[in-house]
């Protein structure tokens, strides 16, 4: 396991770990709808993505290492500014059946969990124009617990709804 040297024995750091590997995410089922014609214009247009019973374990070990870097470190001479870049446009994201999300940054002593019964985000989020993004965000039964440098923060909400529309 390439992250074994970074792990500590904190309970949240141990979540998502098995003897042989580290798990970034798992879920019972994923449903996605993607526009294939949009790929021609270097746009990934996701009409809908739904994760049932997701478990997400995001861990940032230091400024250069995180478990979501699934392809490993990039080469120093890679040109990341080339015209091969693409944009991602998302219309609907839904997490349901009691999502559990863990985020850890041991270098900064930050350990957090987010548990929610259901979360839905609808709208238009575009990576190439974030300022014009708009949408609705709804959560049913949210629980957050965070430990930052031994300061504990916890809260629960029965529901949360946010709506935003940025006009220029």
N, C-alpha and C. Protein backbone atom coordinates (compact mmCIF):
# COMPACT_ATOMS: atom_id res chain seq x y z
N UNK A 1 0.85 -1.18 0.00
CA UNK A 1 0.00 0.00 0.00
C UNK A 1 0.89 1.24 0.00
N UNK A 2 0.73 2.09 -1.01
CA UNK A 2 1.63 3.23 -1.14
C UNK A 2 1.41 4.32 -0.11
N UNK A 3 0.33 4.26 0.68
CA UNK A 3 0.07 5.28 1.69
C UNK A 3 0.33 4.80 3.11
N UNK A 4 0.82 3.59 3.28
CA UNK A 4 1.01 3.02 4.61
C UNK A 4 1.93 3.87 5.48
N UNK A 5 2.95 4.48 4.91
CA UNK A 5 3.87 5.31 5.69
C UNK A 5 3.22 6.59 6.20
N UNK A 6 2.13 7.01 5.58
CA UNK A 6 1.46 8.25 5.97
C UNK A 6 0.39 8.03 7.04
N UNK A 7 -0.12 6.83 7.13
CA UNK A 7 -1.25 6.55 8.01
C UNK A 7 -0.85 6.64 9.48
N UNK A 8 -1.78 7.09 10.30
CA UNK A 8 -1.59 7.03 11.74
C UNK A 8 -2.71 6.16 12.30
N UNK A 9 -2.77 6.01 13.59
CA UNK A 9 -3.75 5.09 14.17
C UNK A 9 -5.05 5.78 14.56
N UNK A 10 -5.25 7.02 14.12
CA UNK A 10 -6.51 7.72 14.38
C UNK A 10 -7.66 6.93 13.77
N UNK A 11 -8.74 6.83 14.49
CA UNK A 11 -9.88 6.00 14.03
C UNK A 11 -10.33 6.39 12.63
N UNK A 12 -10.45 7.69 12.33
CA UNK A 12 -10.90 8.10 11.00
C UNK A 12 -9.88 7.77 9.92
N UNK A 13 -8.60 7.80 10.25
CA UNK A 13 -7.59 7.43 9.26
C UNK A 13 -7.68 5.95 8.93
N UNK A 14 -8.15 5.16 9.86
CA UNK A 14 -8.24 3.71 9.64
C UNK A 14 -9.49 3.34 8.83
N UNK A 15 -10.47 4.24 8.78
CA UNK A 15 -11.66 3.95 7.98
C UNK A 15 -11.28 3.87 6.51
N UNK A 16 -11.81 2.89 5.82
CA UNK A 16 -11.53 2.72 4.40
C UNK A 16 -10.26 1.93 4.14
N UNK A 17 -9.62 1.46 5.20
CA UNK A 17 -8.38 0.69 5.02
C UNK A 17 -8.64 -0.80 5.23
N UNK A 18 -7.96 -1.57 4.44
CA UNK A 18 -7.91 -3.01 4.63
C UNK A 18 -6.43 -3.36 4.73
N UNK A 19 -6.12 -4.61 4.99
CA UNK A 19 -4.70 -4.97 5.13
C UNK A 19 -3.92 -4.72 3.85
N UNK A 20 -4.54 -4.96 2.71
CA UNK A 20 -3.80 -4.89 1.45
C UNK A 20 -3.97 -3.59 0.68
N UNK A 21 -4.98 -2.77 1.02
CA UNK A 21 -5.23 -1.61 0.17
C UNK A 21 -5.97 -0.52 0.93
N UNK A 22 -5.99 0.65 0.31
CA UNK A 22 -6.71 1.81 0.80
C UNK A 22 -7.90 2.02 -0.13
N UNK A 23 -9.06 2.30 0.42
CA UNK A 23 -10.25 2.51 -0.39
C UNK A 23 -10.56 4.00 -0.44
N UNK A 24 -10.67 4.53 -1.65
CA UNK A 24 -11.06 5.92 -1.82
C UNK A 24 -12.58 6.04 -1.74
N UNK A 25 -13.29 5.17 -2.44
CA UNK A 25 -14.76 5.22 -2.45
C UNK A 25 -15.32 3.84 -2.77
N UNK A 26 -16.49 3.60 -2.22
CA UNK A 26 -17.25 2.41 -2.59
C UNK A 26 -18.73 2.76 -2.47
N UNK A 27 -19.54 2.05 -3.22
CA UNK A 27 -20.97 2.30 -3.22
C UNK A 27 -21.65 1.04 -3.74
N UNK A 28 -22.95 0.92 -3.43
CA UNK A 28 -23.70 -0.26 -3.88
C UNK A 28 -24.00 -0.20 -5.37
N UNK A 29 -24.30 1.01 -5.85
CA UNK A 29 -24.61 1.16 -7.28
C UNK A 29 -24.37 2.60 -7.70
N UNK A 30 -23.94 2.75 -8.95
CA UNK A 30 -23.79 4.08 -9.54
C UNK A 30 -24.62 4.11 -10.83
N UNK A 31 -25.33 5.19 -11.01
CA UNK A 31 -26.10 5.41 -12.23
C UNK A 31 -25.64 6.74 -12.80
N UNK A 32 -25.31 6.74 -14.10
CA UNK A 32 -24.83 7.97 -14.71
C UNK A 32 -25.40 8.13 -16.10
N UNK A 33 -25.62 9.38 -16.47
CA UNK A 33 -26.06 9.72 -17.81
C UNK A 33 -25.11 10.79 -18.32
N UNK A 34 -24.39 10.48 -19.40
CA UNK A 34 -23.38 11.37 -19.97
C UNK A 34 -23.71 11.62 -21.43
N UNK A 35 -23.57 12.86 -21.88
CA UNK A 35 -23.81 13.21 -23.27
C UNK A 35 -22.58 12.84 -24.11
N UNK A 36 -22.71 11.83 -24.95
CA UNK A 36 -21.60 11.39 -25.80
C UNK A 36 -21.26 12.44 -26.87
N UNK A 37 -22.23 13.05 -27.56
CA UNK A 37 -21.87 14.05 -28.57
C UNK A 37 -21.05 15.22 -28.02
N UNK A 38 -21.27 15.58 -26.76
CA UNK A 38 -20.53 16.70 -26.16
C UNK A 38 -19.04 16.39 -26.03
N UNK A 39 -18.68 15.13 -26.00
CA UNK A 39 -17.27 14.76 -25.88
C UNK A 39 -16.45 15.25 -27.07
N UNK A 40 -17.08 15.41 -28.22
CA UNK A 40 -16.39 15.91 -29.41
C UNK A 40 -15.85 17.31 -29.18
N UNK A 41 -16.57 18.10 -28.40
CA UNK A 41 -16.15 19.48 -28.10
C UNK A 41 -15.34 19.57 -26.82
N UNK A 42 -14.78 18.45 -26.38
CA UNK A 42 -13.96 18.37 -25.17
C UNK A 42 -14.74 18.81 -23.93
N UNK A 43 -16.00 18.42 -23.90
CA UNK A 43 -16.86 18.71 -22.76
C UNK A 43 -17.43 17.40 -22.24
N UNK A 44 -17.28 17.17 -20.95
CA UNK A 44 -17.92 16.03 -20.32
C UNK A 44 -19.21 16.58 -19.70
N UNK A 45 -20.33 16.32 -20.36
CA UNK A 45 -21.61 16.82 -19.88
C UNK A 45 -22.31 15.68 -19.15
N UNK A 46 -22.38 15.80 -17.82
CA UNK A 46 -22.99 14.78 -16.98
C UNK A 46 -24.40 15.26 -16.66
N UNK A 47 -25.39 14.60 -17.25
CA UNK A 47 -26.77 14.98 -16.99
C UNK A 47 -27.22 14.53 -15.61
N UNK A 48 -26.70 13.37 -15.17
CA UNK A 48 -27.10 12.84 -13.86
C UNK A 48 -26.07 11.82 -13.41
N UNK A 49 -25.73 11.88 -12.13
CA UNK A 49 -24.95 10.83 -11.51
C UNK A 49 -25.54 10.58 -10.13
N UNK A 50 -25.79 9.33 -9.83
CA UNK A 50 -26.39 8.95 -8.55
C UNK A 50 -25.59 7.81 -7.94
N UNK A 51 -25.22 7.99 -6.68
CA UNK A 51 -24.49 6.98 -5.94
C UNK A 51 -25.37 6.46 -4.81
N UNK A 52 -25.58 5.16 -4.77
CA UNK A 52 -26.38 4.57 -3.70
C UNK A 52 -25.46 4.02 -2.62
N UNK A 53 -25.72 4.41 -1.38
CA UNK A 53 -24.98 3.97 -0.20
C UNK A 53 -23.47 4.22 -0.35
N UNK A 54 -23.08 5.46 -0.68
CA UNK A 54 -21.65 5.73 -0.89
C UNK A 54 -20.87 5.81 0.42
N UNK A 55 -19.64 5.36 0.35
CA UNK A 55 -18.66 5.50 1.42
C UNK A 55 -17.43 6.11 0.77
N UNK A 56 -17.07 7.32 1.18
CA UNK A 56 -15.96 8.05 0.56
C UNK A 56 -14.92 8.35 1.65
N UNK A 57 -13.68 8.01 1.37
CA UNK A 57 -12.60 8.18 2.34
C UNK A 57 -11.49 9.01 1.70
N UNK A 58 -11.57 10.33 1.82
CA UNK A 58 -10.61 11.24 1.21
C UNK A 58 -9.55 11.61 2.23
N UNK A 59 -8.28 11.36 1.85
CA UNK A 59 -7.18 11.60 2.78
C UNK A 59 -6.08 12.38 2.08
N UNK A 60 -5.76 13.54 2.62
CA UNK A 60 -4.66 14.37 2.09
C UNK A 60 -3.53 14.30 3.10
N UNK A 61 -2.46 13.64 2.70
CA UNK A 61 -1.37 13.36 3.63
C UNK A 61 -0.40 14.52 3.78
N UNK A 62 -0.08 15.19 2.70
CA UNK A 62 0.78 16.36 2.74
C UNK A 62 0.49 17.19 1.48
N UNK A 63 1.28 18.21 1.21
CA UNK A 63 0.98 19.11 0.10
C UNK A 63 1.07 18.42 -1.27
N UNK A 64 1.70 17.27 -1.34
CA UNK A 64 1.86 16.59 -2.63
C UNK A 64 1.19 15.22 -2.72
N UNK A 65 0.67 14.70 -1.62
CA UNK A 65 0.16 13.33 -1.61
C UNK A 65 -1.25 13.26 -1.05
N UNK A 66 -2.14 12.65 -1.83
CA UNK A 66 -3.52 12.42 -1.39
C UNK A 66 -3.99 11.10 -1.99
N UNK A 67 -4.91 10.44 -1.32
CA UNK A 67 -5.34 9.13 -1.83
C UNK A 67 -6.23 9.25 -3.07
N UNK A 68 -6.67 10.46 -3.42
CA UNK A 68 -7.44 10.60 -4.66
C UNK A 68 -6.53 10.79 -5.88
N UNK A 69 -5.23 10.86 -5.67
CA UNK A 69 -4.28 10.88 -6.78
C UNK A 69 -4.09 9.44 -7.27
N UNK A 70 -5.12 8.91 -7.90
CA UNK A 70 -5.14 7.48 -8.21
C UNK A 70 -4.18 7.08 -9.32
N UNK A 71 -3.69 8.03 -10.09
CA UNK A 71 -2.76 7.70 -11.17
C UNK A 71 -1.31 7.89 -10.75
N UNK A 72 -1.08 8.25 -9.50
CA UNK A 72 0.28 8.44 -9.03
C UNK A 72 0.78 9.82 -9.39
N UNK A 73 2.00 10.11 -8.98
CA UNK A 73 2.54 11.45 -9.27
C UNK A 73 2.77 11.65 -10.75
N UNK A 74 2.52 12.87 -11.22
CA UNK A 74 2.74 13.19 -12.63
C UNK A 74 4.22 13.40 -12.91
N UNK A 75 4.57 13.43 -14.17
CA UNK A 75 5.95 13.68 -14.56
C UNK A 75 6.21 15.18 -14.53
N UNK A 76 7.40 15.54 -14.12
CA UNK A 76 7.76 16.96 -13.99
C UNK A 76 7.67 17.71 -15.30
N UNK A 77 7.93 17.03 -16.43
CA UNK A 77 7.96 17.72 -17.71
C UNK A 77 6.61 17.72 -18.43
N UNK A 78 5.55 17.28 -17.74
CA UNK A 78 4.23 17.28 -18.38
C UNK A 78 3.75 18.71 -18.57
N UNK A 79 3.15 18.98 -19.72
CA UNK A 79 2.58 20.29 -20.00
C UNK A 79 1.11 20.25 -19.66
N UNK A 80 0.73 20.84 -18.54
CA UNK A 80 -0.67 20.82 -18.10
C UNK A 80 -1.47 21.98 -18.67
N UNK A 81 -0.84 22.84 -19.46
CA UNK A 81 -1.54 23.98 -20.03
C UNK A 81 -1.87 23.76 -21.51
N UNK A 82 -1.71 22.56 -21.99
CA UNK A 82 -1.95 22.30 -23.41
C UNK A 82 -3.43 22.42 -23.75
N UNK A 83 -3.72 22.44 -25.04
CA UNK A 83 -5.10 22.60 -25.49
C UNK A 83 -5.91 21.31 -25.34
N UNK A 84 -5.36 20.29 -24.71
CA UNK A 84 -6.10 19.04 -24.53
C UNK A 84 -7.03 19.11 -23.32
N UNK A 85 -7.09 20.25 -22.63
CA UNK A 85 -7.96 20.36 -21.47
C UNK A 85 -9.43 20.29 -21.89
N UNK A 86 -10.26 19.91 -20.96
CA UNK A 86 -11.69 19.79 -21.24
C UNK A 86 -12.47 20.38 -20.09
N UNK A 87 -13.73 20.63 -20.31
CA UNK A 87 -14.57 21.15 -19.23
C UNK A 87 -15.55 20.07 -18.80
N UNK A 88 -16.00 20.19 -17.58
CA UNK A 88 -16.99 19.26 -17.03
C UNK A 88 -18.22 20.08 -16.68
N UNK A 89 -19.36 19.64 -17.14
CA UNK A 89 -20.63 20.29 -16.82
C UNK A 89 -21.53 19.27 -16.14
N UNK A 90 -22.01 19.62 -14.97
CA UNK A 90 -22.81 18.71 -14.16
C UNK A 90 -24.18 19.30 -13.92
N UNK A 91 -25.23 18.50 -14.21
CA UNK A 91 -26.60 18.97 -13.98
C UNK A 91 -27.20 18.44 -12.69
N UNK A 92 -26.95 17.15 -12.37
CA UNK A 92 -27.56 16.59 -11.16
C UNK A 92 -26.63 15.57 -10.52
N UNK A 93 -26.44 15.72 -9.22
CA UNK A 93 -25.67 14.78 -8.43
C UNK A 93 -26.52 14.37 -7.25
N UNK A 94 -26.62 13.07 -7.01
CA UNK A 94 -27.44 12.60 -5.89
C UNK A 94 -26.69 11.51 -5.14
N UNK A 95 -26.60 11.68 -3.83
CA UNK A 95 -26.07 10.65 -2.94
C UNK A 95 -27.23 10.21 -2.07
N UNK A 96 -27.50 8.93 -2.02
CA UNK A 96 -28.62 8.49 -1.18
C UNK A 96 -28.28 7.23 -0.40
N UNK A 97 -29.20 6.81 0.41
CA UNK A 97 -29.08 5.65 1.29
C UNK A 97 -27.92 5.80 2.27
N UNK A 98 -27.93 6.89 3.01
CA UNK A 98 -27.00 7.12 4.11
C UNK A 98 -25.54 7.20 3.68
N UNK A 99 -25.21 8.26 3.01
CA UNK A 99 -23.83 8.50 2.59
C UNK A 99 -22.94 8.76 3.80
N UNK A 100 -21.71 8.28 3.73
CA UNK A 100 -20.72 8.48 4.80
C UNK A 100 -19.44 8.96 4.13
N UNK A 101 -18.99 10.17 4.51
CA UNK A 101 -17.81 10.77 3.90
C UNK A 101 -16.82 11.10 5.01
N UNK A 102 -15.58 10.68 4.81
CA UNK A 102 -14.50 10.94 5.76
C UNK A 102 -13.45 11.78 5.05
N UNK A 103 -12.99 12.85 5.70
CA UNK A 103 -11.91 13.67 5.16
C UNK A 103 -10.85 13.84 6.24
N UNK A 104 -9.61 13.50 5.91
CA UNK A 104 -8.52 13.61 6.88
C UNK A 104 -7.32 14.33 6.27
N UNK A 105 -6.74 15.21 7.07
CA UNK A 105 -5.48 15.88 6.74
C UNK A 105 -4.61 15.79 7.98
N UNK A 106 -3.93 14.66 8.19
CA UNK A 106 -3.18 14.49 9.44
C UNK A 106 -2.09 15.53 9.63
N UNK A 107 -1.50 16.04 8.56
CA UNK A 107 -0.45 17.04 8.69
C UNK A 107 -0.98 18.30 9.38
N UNK A 108 -2.26 18.62 9.16
CA UNK A 108 -2.90 19.78 9.79
C UNK A 108 -3.78 19.40 10.97
N UNK A 109 -3.73 18.14 11.39
CA UNK A 109 -4.54 17.64 12.50
C UNK A 109 -6.03 17.87 12.26
N UNK A 110 -6.50 17.62 11.04
CA UNK A 110 -7.91 17.78 10.71
C UNK A 110 -8.50 16.42 10.36
N UNK A 111 -9.56 16.04 11.07
CA UNK A 111 -10.26 14.78 10.85
C UNK A 111 -11.75 15.08 10.88
N UNK A 112 -12.49 14.72 9.82
CA UNK A 112 -13.90 15.09 9.76
C UNK A 112 -14.74 13.98 9.14
N UNK A 113 -15.99 13.90 9.57
CA UNK A 113 -16.96 12.99 8.95
C UNK A 113 -18.21 13.78 8.60
N UNK A 114 -18.84 13.34 7.55
CA UNK A 114 -20.10 13.91 7.09
C UNK A 114 -21.01 12.73 6.81
N UNK A 115 -22.13 12.66 7.52
CA UNK A 115 -23.12 11.61 7.31
C UNK A 115 -24.41 12.27 6.90
N UNK A 116 -25.02 11.76 5.83
CA UNK A 116 -26.29 12.32 5.40
C UNK A 116 -27.18 11.23 4.82
N UNK A 117 -28.46 11.40 5.07
CA UNK A 117 -29.42 10.42 4.57
C UNK A 117 -29.53 10.51 3.06
N UNK A 118 -29.64 11.77 2.56
CA UNK A 118 -29.74 11.97 1.12
C UNK A 118 -29.29 13.38 0.79
N UNK A 119 -28.59 13.54 -0.35
CA UNK A 119 -28.15 14.84 -0.82
C UNK A 119 -28.43 14.93 -2.31
N UNK A 120 -29.01 16.03 -2.73
CA UNK A 120 -29.27 16.26 -4.15
C UNK A 120 -28.78 17.64 -4.53
N UNK A 121 -28.04 17.71 -5.62
CA UNK A 121 -27.59 18.97 -6.18
C UNK A 121 -28.10 19.00 -7.61
N UNK A 122 -28.87 20.03 -7.94
CA UNK A 122 -29.38 20.20 -9.30
C UNK A 122 -29.00 21.59 -9.77
N UNK A 123 -28.72 21.71 -11.03
CA UNK A 123 -28.40 23.02 -11.58
C UNK A 123 -27.41 22.92 -12.71
N UNK A 124 -26.53 23.90 -12.76
CA UNK A 124 -25.50 23.93 -13.79
C UNK A 124 -24.20 24.32 -13.13
N UNK A 125 -23.29 23.38 -13.07
CA UNK A 125 -21.95 23.65 -12.56
C UNK A 125 -20.99 23.33 -13.68
N UNK A 126 -20.20 24.30 -14.08
CA UNK A 126 -19.26 24.12 -15.18
C UNK A 126 -17.86 24.48 -14.71
N UNK A 127 -16.91 23.56 -14.90
CA UNK A 127 -15.55 23.81 -14.45
C UNK A 127 -14.88 24.92 -15.23
N UNK A 128 -15.33 25.18 -16.44
CA UNK A 128 -14.70 26.24 -17.23
C UNK A 128 -15.30 27.62 -16.97
N UNK A 129 -16.38 27.70 -16.16
CA UNK A 129 -17.00 28.99 -15.85
C UNK A 129 -17.73 28.88 -14.51
N UNK A 130 -16.98 28.69 -13.44
CA UNK A 130 -17.58 28.49 -12.12
C UNK A 130 -18.41 29.67 -11.65
N UNK A 131 -18.06 30.87 -12.05
CA UNK A 131 -18.80 32.04 -11.60
C UNK A 131 -20.22 32.10 -12.14
N UNK A 132 -20.49 31.43 -13.25
CA UNK A 132 -21.86 31.44 -13.77
C UNK A 132 -22.65 30.21 -13.32
N UNK A 133 -22.07 29.41 -12.44
CA UNK A 133 -22.78 28.23 -11.95
C UNK A 133 -24.00 28.65 -11.14
N UNK A 134 -25.01 27.83 -11.20
CA UNK A 134 -26.23 28.08 -10.44
C UNK A 134 -26.86 26.74 -10.09
N UNK A 135 -27.69 26.75 -9.07
CA UNK A 135 -28.33 25.49 -8.74
C UNK A 135 -28.98 25.48 -7.38
N UNK A 136 -29.44 24.29 -7.03
CA UNK A 136 -30.12 24.03 -5.76
C UNK A 136 -29.40 22.87 -5.09
N UNK A 137 -29.24 22.96 -3.80
CA UNK A 137 -28.56 21.95 -3.01
C UNK A 137 -29.48 21.60 -1.85
N UNK A 138 -29.86 20.34 -1.73
CA UNK A 138 -30.75 19.90 -0.67
C UNK A 138 -30.15 18.70 0.05
N UNK A 139 -30.22 18.75 1.38
CA UNK A 139 -29.73 17.64 2.20
C UNK A 139 -30.82 17.27 3.18
N UNK A 140 -31.03 15.98 3.33
CA UNK A 140 -31.97 15.44 4.30
C UNK A 140 -31.16 14.73 5.38
N UNK A 141 -31.24 15.18 6.60
CA UNK A 141 -30.57 14.60 7.76
C UNK A 141 -29.06 14.60 7.61
N UNK A 142 -28.45 15.67 8.06
CA UNK A 142 -27.01 15.88 7.96
C UNK A 142 -26.38 15.86 9.35
N UNK A 143 -25.27 15.15 9.49
CA UNK A 143 -24.50 15.14 10.73
C UNK A 143 -23.04 15.37 10.38
N UNK A 144 -22.41 16.33 11.04
CA UNK A 144 -21.01 16.65 10.80
C UNK A 144 -20.26 16.59 12.12
N UNK A 145 -19.09 15.97 12.08
CA UNK A 145 -18.20 15.96 13.24
C UNK A 145 -16.80 16.23 12.72
N UNK A 146 -16.11 17.17 13.34
CA UNK A 146 -14.76 17.50 12.92
C UNK A 146 -13.88 17.73 14.14
N UNK A 147 -12.65 17.28 14.02
CA UNK A 147 -11.66 17.49 15.06
C UNK A 147 -10.49 18.20 14.40
N UNK A 148 -10.28 19.46 14.77
CA UNK A 148 -9.19 20.24 14.20
C UNK A 148 -8.27 20.66 15.34
N UNK A 149 -7.09 20.10 15.36
CA UNK A 149 -6.10 20.40 16.39
C UNK A 149 -6.70 20.28 17.78
N UNK A 150 -7.41 19.16 17.99
CA UNK A 150 -8.03 18.80 19.26
C UNK A 150 -9.19 19.70 19.67
N UNK A 151 -9.76 20.46 18.72
CA UNK A 151 -10.98 21.23 18.95
C UNK A 151 -12.10 20.53 18.21
N UNK A 152 -13.08 20.05 18.94
CA UNK A 152 -14.16 19.26 18.36
C UNK A 152 -15.35 20.14 18.00
N UNK A 153 -15.87 19.95 16.79
CA UNK A 153 -17.07 20.63 16.33
C UNK A 153 -18.04 19.56 15.86
N UNK A 154 -19.27 19.63 16.33
CA UNK A 154 -20.30 18.69 15.90
C UNK A 154 -21.60 19.43 15.71
N UNK A 155 -22.36 19.03 14.67
CA UNK A 155 -23.71 19.56 14.54
C UNK A 155 -24.55 18.62 13.69
N UNK A 156 -25.86 18.68 13.91
CA UNK A 156 -26.84 17.89 13.18
C UNK A 156 -27.90 18.83 12.63
N UNK A 157 -28.38 18.53 11.43
CA UNK A 157 -29.48 19.27 10.83
C UNK A 157 -30.48 18.26 10.28
N UNK A 158 -31.77 18.54 10.47
CA UNK A 158 -32.79 17.67 9.89
C UNK A 158 -32.88 17.85 8.39
N UNK A 159 -32.71 19.10 7.94
CA UNK A 159 -32.70 19.35 6.50
C UNK A 159 -31.99 20.67 6.22
N UNK A 160 -31.48 20.78 5.02
CA UNK A 160 -30.78 21.98 4.61
C UNK A 160 -31.05 22.19 3.13
N UNK A 161 -31.44 23.38 2.77
CA UNK A 161 -31.65 23.71 1.36
C UNK A 161 -30.97 25.02 1.02
N UNK A 162 -30.21 25.02 -0.05
CA UNK A 162 -29.54 26.22 -0.52
C UNK A 162 -29.85 26.40 -1.98
N UNK A 163 -29.98 27.63 -2.41
CA UNK A 163 -30.25 27.91 -3.80
C UNK A 163 -29.42 29.11 -4.20
N UNK A 164 -28.85 29.06 -5.39
CA UNK A 164 -28.03 30.15 -5.82
C UNK A 164 -28.12 30.37 -7.31
N UNK A 165 -28.05 31.64 -7.69
CA UNK A 165 -28.08 32.00 -9.11
C UNK A 165 -27.22 33.25 -9.25
N UNK A 166 -26.13 33.12 -9.91
CA UNK A 166 -25.22 34.26 -10.09
C UNK A 166 -25.53 34.93 -11.40
N UNK A 167 -25.84 36.21 -11.36
CA UNK A 167 -26.11 36.97 -12.58
C UNK A 167 -25.00 37.98 -12.77
N UNK A 168 -24.56 38.15 -13.99
CA UNK A 168 -23.48 39.09 -14.29
C UNK A 168 -24.05 40.47 -14.55
